[in-house]
N, C-alpha and C. Protein backbone atom coordinates (compact mmCIF):
# COMPACT_ATOMS: atom_id res chain seq x y z
N MET A 1 -19.70 -36.19 -112.50
CA MET A 1 -20.43 -35.19 -111.75
C MET A 1 -20.20 -33.83 -112.38
N THR A 2 -21.24 -33.08 -112.39
CA THR A 2 -21.09 -31.73 -112.92
C THR A 2 -20.49 -30.83 -111.84
N ARG A 3 -20.07 -29.69 -112.25
CA ARG A 3 -19.45 -28.75 -111.31
C ARG A 3 -20.45 -28.33 -110.23
N THR A 4 -21.71 -28.15 -110.58
CA THR A 4 -22.73 -27.74 -109.60
C THR A 4 -22.90 -28.81 -108.53
N LYS A 5 -22.93 -30.08 -108.94
CA LYS A 5 -23.08 -31.16 -107.97
C LYS A 5 -21.86 -31.26 -107.07
N LYS A 6 -20.68 -31.01 -107.62
CA LYS A 6 -19.47 -31.05 -106.80
C LYS A 6 -19.47 -29.93 -105.77
N VAL A 7 -19.93 -28.75 -106.18
CA VAL A 7 -20.00 -27.61 -105.25
C VAL A 7 -21.01 -27.90 -104.14
N LEU A 8 -22.17 -28.43 -104.50
CA LEU A 8 -23.19 -28.74 -103.50
C LEU A 8 -22.72 -29.84 -102.55
N ALA A 9 -22.03 -30.84 -103.09
CA ALA A 9 -21.51 -31.91 -102.24
C ALA A 9 -20.44 -31.38 -101.29
N THR A 10 -19.61 -30.47 -101.75
CA THR A 10 -18.58 -29.88 -100.90
C THR A 10 -19.20 -29.03 -99.80
N ILE A 11 -20.20 -28.25 -100.15
CA ILE A 11 -20.89 -27.43 -99.15
C ILE A 11 -21.56 -28.31 -98.10
N ALA A 12 -22.21 -29.39 -98.54
CA ALA A 12 -22.86 -30.30 -97.59
C ALA A 12 -21.83 -30.95 -96.67
N LEU A 13 -20.69 -31.33 -97.21
CA LEU A 13 -19.64 -31.94 -96.40
C LEU A 13 -19.09 -30.95 -95.38
N VAL A 14 -18.85 -29.72 -95.80
CA VAL A 14 -18.33 -28.71 -94.89
C VAL A 14 -19.35 -28.41 -93.79
N LEU A 15 -20.62 -28.30 -94.14
CA LEU A 15 -21.64 -28.05 -93.12
C LEU A 15 -21.76 -29.22 -92.15
N GLY A 16 -21.65 -30.44 -92.64
CA GLY A 16 -21.71 -31.60 -91.77
C GLY A 16 -20.54 -31.66 -90.80
N ILE A 17 -19.35 -31.38 -91.29
CA ILE A 17 -18.17 -31.38 -90.42
C ILE A 17 -18.26 -30.24 -89.40
N THR A 18 -18.72 -29.09 -89.85
CA THR A 18 -18.86 -27.95 -88.94
C THR A 18 -19.86 -28.26 -87.83
N GLY A 19 -20.97 -28.88 -88.19
CA GLY A 19 -21.96 -29.26 -87.19
C GLY A 19 -21.43 -30.29 -86.21
N ALA A 20 -20.67 -31.24 -86.70
CA ALA A 20 -20.11 -32.27 -85.83
C ALA A 20 -19.08 -31.69 -84.87
N VAL A 21 -18.32 -30.71 -85.33
CA VAL A 21 -17.30 -30.09 -84.47
C VAL A 21 -17.95 -29.14 -83.48
N ALA A 22 -19.01 -28.44 -83.87
CA ALA A 22 -19.62 -27.42 -83.02
C ALA A 22 -20.59 -28.01 -81.99
N SER A 23 -21.13 -29.18 -82.22
CA SER A 23 -22.15 -29.70 -81.31
C SER A 23 -21.65 -29.95 -79.89
N PRO A 24 -20.45 -30.47 -79.66
CA PRO A 24 -20.00 -30.60 -78.26
C PRO A 24 -19.84 -29.24 -77.56
N ALA A 25 -19.40 -28.25 -78.30
CA ALA A 25 -19.25 -26.92 -77.70
C ALA A 25 -20.61 -26.33 -77.35
N LEU A 26 -21.61 -26.58 -78.16
CA LEU A 26 -22.94 -26.08 -77.86
C LEU A 26 -23.55 -26.81 -76.67
N ALA A 27 -23.27 -28.08 -76.54
CA ALA A 27 -23.80 -28.85 -75.42
C ALA A 27 -23.19 -28.41 -74.10
N ASP A 28 -21.95 -27.93 -74.11
CA ASP A 28 -21.29 -27.53 -72.88
C ASP A 28 -21.65 -26.10 -72.44
N SER A 29 -22.39 -25.37 -73.25
CA SER A 29 -22.66 -23.98 -72.92
C SER A 29 -23.95 -23.77 -72.14
N HIS A 30 -24.65 -24.84 -71.77
CA HIS A 30 -25.88 -24.66 -71.01
C HIS A 30 -25.57 -24.43 -69.54
N MET A 31 -26.51 -23.85 -68.83
CA MET A 31 -26.33 -23.60 -67.40
C MET A 31 -26.95 -24.75 -66.62
N PRO A 32 -26.17 -25.48 -65.86
CA PRO A 32 -26.74 -26.58 -65.08
C PRO A 32 -27.53 -26.05 -63.89
N VAL A 33 -28.53 -26.79 -63.48
CA VAL A 33 -29.35 -26.41 -62.33
C VAL A 33 -28.84 -27.21 -61.14
N SER A 34 -28.44 -26.50 -60.11
CA SER A 34 -27.94 -27.19 -58.92
C SER A 34 -29.12 -27.67 -58.08
N PRO A 35 -28.94 -28.71 -57.30
CA PRO A 35 -30.06 -29.25 -56.51
C PRO A 35 -30.62 -28.26 -55.50
N GLN A 36 -29.81 -27.34 -54.96
CA GLN A 36 -30.35 -26.41 -53.98
C GLN A 36 -31.20 -25.31 -54.61
N ASP A 37 -31.21 -25.19 -55.93
CA ASP A 37 -32.04 -24.19 -56.59
C ASP A 37 -33.44 -24.71 -56.89
N THR A 38 -33.67 -25.99 -56.76
CA THR A 38 -34.97 -26.55 -57.11
C THR A 38 -35.88 -26.55 -55.90
N VAL A 39 -37.15 -26.33 -56.12
CA VAL A 39 -38.15 -26.35 -55.06
C VAL A 39 -39.00 -27.59 -55.26
N VAL A 40 -39.11 -28.39 -54.20
CA VAL A 40 -39.89 -29.61 -54.28
C VAL A 40 -41.16 -29.40 -53.47
N ALA A 41 -42.29 -29.51 -54.14
CA ALA A 41 -43.58 -29.34 -53.48
C ALA A 41 -44.11 -30.72 -53.10
N PRO A 42 -44.79 -30.82 -51.97
CA PRO A 42 -45.37 -32.12 -51.61
C PRO A 42 -46.48 -32.50 -52.58
N LEU A 43 -46.61 -33.79 -52.82
CA LEU A 43 -47.61 -34.26 -53.78
C LEU A 43 -49.00 -34.37 -53.15
N ASP A 44 -49.07 -34.49 -51.84
CA ASP A 44 -50.37 -34.58 -51.19
C ASP A 44 -50.49 -33.47 -50.14
N SER A 45 -51.70 -33.13 -49.79
CA SER A 45 -51.89 -32.02 -48.86
C SER A 45 -52.51 -32.48 -47.54
N HIS A 46 -52.58 -33.76 -47.26
CA HIS A 46 -53.18 -34.22 -46.02
C HIS A 46 -52.20 -34.08 -44.86
N MET A 47 -52.72 -33.97 -43.69
CA MET A 47 -51.89 -33.83 -42.50
C MET A 47 -51.49 -35.23 -42.02
N PRO A 48 -50.27 -35.43 -41.64
CA PRO A 48 -49.85 -36.77 -41.18
C PRO A 48 -50.38 -37.10 -39.80
């Protein structure tokens, strides 16, 4: 392997490991929606 290929392979490996380590942290940073915040509209408008 030439030096350029080794550098590119190392960069790809580092980026892959960084992505694998960072993905759980990114998944935990979202804001969950609680059930009392949701509005449920009736699907039909006829009177019972």
